[in-house]
Amino acid sequence: MREAFSGTREQFDRRLAPLLDNWQLGLEFNTNTAVISAVASGIGLGFISDLAAADALCCGRIVRLDLQQNWTRQLQLVCAADKYQTPLMGTFMDYALQWQGLQNG
């Protein structure tokens, strides 16, 4: 499981944990890579985003269990209000906003 106060852990605590009758926290990790490695080693189940798990799923290191629920998380693009935005930063922000649009529609 991700560490307390991480976004992934918050999603688990709010949405999945209340649905489980009997579960026990085994280990906490501060990276998705560590969670994936633990699951791939057979230590137990993990709870991470599809995006974080994509490579490990693709190569067969782990398998996805279908929870039959679509859990989404709202992400925000933020920047300092008074800070100069470089052209590269502007390009990245345009890309991120376009990518978000592709994901939603």
Protein backbone atom coordinates (compact mmCIF):
# COMPACT_ATOMS: atom_id res chain seq x y z
CA MET A 1 0.00 0.00 0.00
CA ARG A 2 1.15 3.54 -0.60
CA GLU A 3 2.04 5.60 2.44
CA ALA A 4 -0.52 7.50 4.50
CA PHE A 5 -1.52 10.86 2.99
CA SER A 6 -0.63 9.87 -0.58
CA GLY A 7 -3.39 10.41 -3.14
CA THR A 8 -3.58 6.70 -3.91
CA ARG A 9 -3.85 5.79 -0.23
CA GLU A 10 -6.55 8.42 0.23
CA GLN A 11 -8.55 6.84 -2.60
CA PHE A 12 -8.18 3.40 -1.02
CA ASP A 13 -9.14 4.62 2.46
CA ARG A 14 -12.19 6.51 1.19
CA ARG A 15 -13.52 4.16 -1.45
CA LEU A 16 -12.32 0.59 -1.11
CA ALA A 17 -11.51 0.01 2.57
CA PRO A 18 -15.12 0.62 3.70
CA LEU A 19 -16.26 -2.15 1.30
CA LEU A 20 -13.87 -4.75 2.71
CA ASP A 21 -15.04 -6.81 5.66
CA ASN A 22 -11.64 -8.00 6.78
CA TRP A 23 -8.37 -6.65 5.45
CA GLN A 24 -5.01 -6.13 7.02
CA LEU A 25 -2.30 -3.63 6.09
CA GLY A 26 0.94 -5.51 5.54
CA LEU A 27 3.44 -2.96 4.26
CA GLU A 28 3.53 0.71 3.30
CA PHE A 29 5.74 2.06 0.51
CA ASN A 30 6.50 5.58 -0.66
CA THR A 31 6.68 4.77 -4.40
CA ASN A 32 4.49 3.00 -6.91
CA THR A 33 7.53 1.04 -8.07
CA ALA A 34 7.93 -0.43 -4.60
CA VAL A 35 4.25 -1.42 -4.48
CA ILE A 36 4.53 -3.07 -7.90
CA SER A 37 7.71 -4.93 -6.90
CA ALA A 38 6.09 -6.21 -3.71
CA VAL A 39 3.01 -7.42 -5.59
CA ALA A 40 5.15 -9.01 -8.33
CA SER A 41 7.12 -10.83 -5.61
CA GLY A 42 3.91 -12.36 -4.28
CA ILE A 43 3.79 -10.45 -1.00
CA GLY A 44 0.13 -9.54 -1.44
CA LEU A 45 -2.30 -7.24 -3.21
CA GLY A 46 -1.63 -3.62 -4.13
CA PHE A 47 -3.76 -0.63 -4.96
CA ILE A 48 -2.34 1.83 -7.52
CA SER A 49 -3.56 3.72 -10.55
CA ASP A 50 -3.81 2.16 -14.01
CA LEU A 51 -1.29 4.70 -15.27
CA ALA A 52 1.26 3.79 -12.59
CA ALA A 53 0.77 0.06 -13.26
CA ALA A 54 0.73 0.23 -17.08
CA ASP A 55 4.28 -1.00 -17.76
CA ALA A 56 4.13 -3.82 -15.20
CA LEU A 57 0.74 -4.90 -16.54
CA CYS A 58 1.96 -4.79 -20.12
CA CYS A 59 4.94 -7.05 -19.47
CA GLY A 60 2.95 -9.43 -17.27
CA ARG A 61 4.72 -8.76 -13.96
CA ILE A 62 1.35 -8.18 -12.30
CA VAL A 63 -2.30 -8.70 -13.21
CA ARG A 64 -5.22 -6.35 -12.72
CA LEU A 65 -8.17 -7.47 -10.63
CA ASP A 66 -11.43 -6.08 -11.96
CA LEU A 67 -13.26 -4.25 -9.19
CA GLN A 68 -16.13 -3.49 -11.57
CA GLN A 69 -16.01 0.15 -10.55
CA ASN A 70 -14.67 3.15 -12.41
CA TRP A 71 -12.76 5.26 -9.95
CA THR A 72 -11.62 8.61 -11.21
CA ARG A 73 -9.55 11.26 -9.55
CA GLN A 74 -9.63 14.95 -10.41
CA LEU A 75 -6.18 16.36 -11.10
CA GLN A 76 -5.32 20.04 -11.35
CA LEU A 77 -2.63 21.84 -13.33
CA VAL A 78 -1.31 24.66 -11.15
CA CYS A 79 1.55 27.13 -11.38
CA ALA A 80 2.80 30.15 -9.46
CA ALA A 81 0.71 33.21 -10.34
CA ASP A 82 3.58 35.72 -10.47
CA LYS A 83 6.22 33.48 -12.04
CA TYR A 84 7.45 33.90 -15.61
CA GLN A 85 6.33 31.00 -17.80
CA THR A 86 9.05 29.86 -20.18
CA PRO A 87 8.05 28.78 -23.70
CA LEU A 88 8.87 25.20 -22.73
CA MET A 89 6.58 25.42 -19.71
CA GLY A 90 3.84 26.85 -21.93
CA THR A 91 4.26 23.95 -24.34
CA PHE A 92 4.07 21.46 -21.50
CA MET A 93 0.95 23.11 -20.07
CA ASP A 94 -0.73 23.07 -23.49
CA TYR A 95 0.15 19.39 -23.85
CA ALA A 96 -1.16 18.54 -20.38
CA LEU A 97 -4.44 20.34 -21.00
CA GLN A 98 -4.85 18.64 -24.39
CA TRP A 99 -4.05 15.24 -22.86
CA GLN A 100 -6.64 15.84 -20.15
CA GLY A 101 -9.21 16.63 -22.83
CA LEU A 102 -8.38 13.42 -24.66
CA GLN A 103 -8.79 11.41 -21.48
CA ASN A 104 -12.23 12.87 -20.74
CA GLY A 105 -13.74 12.75 -24.18
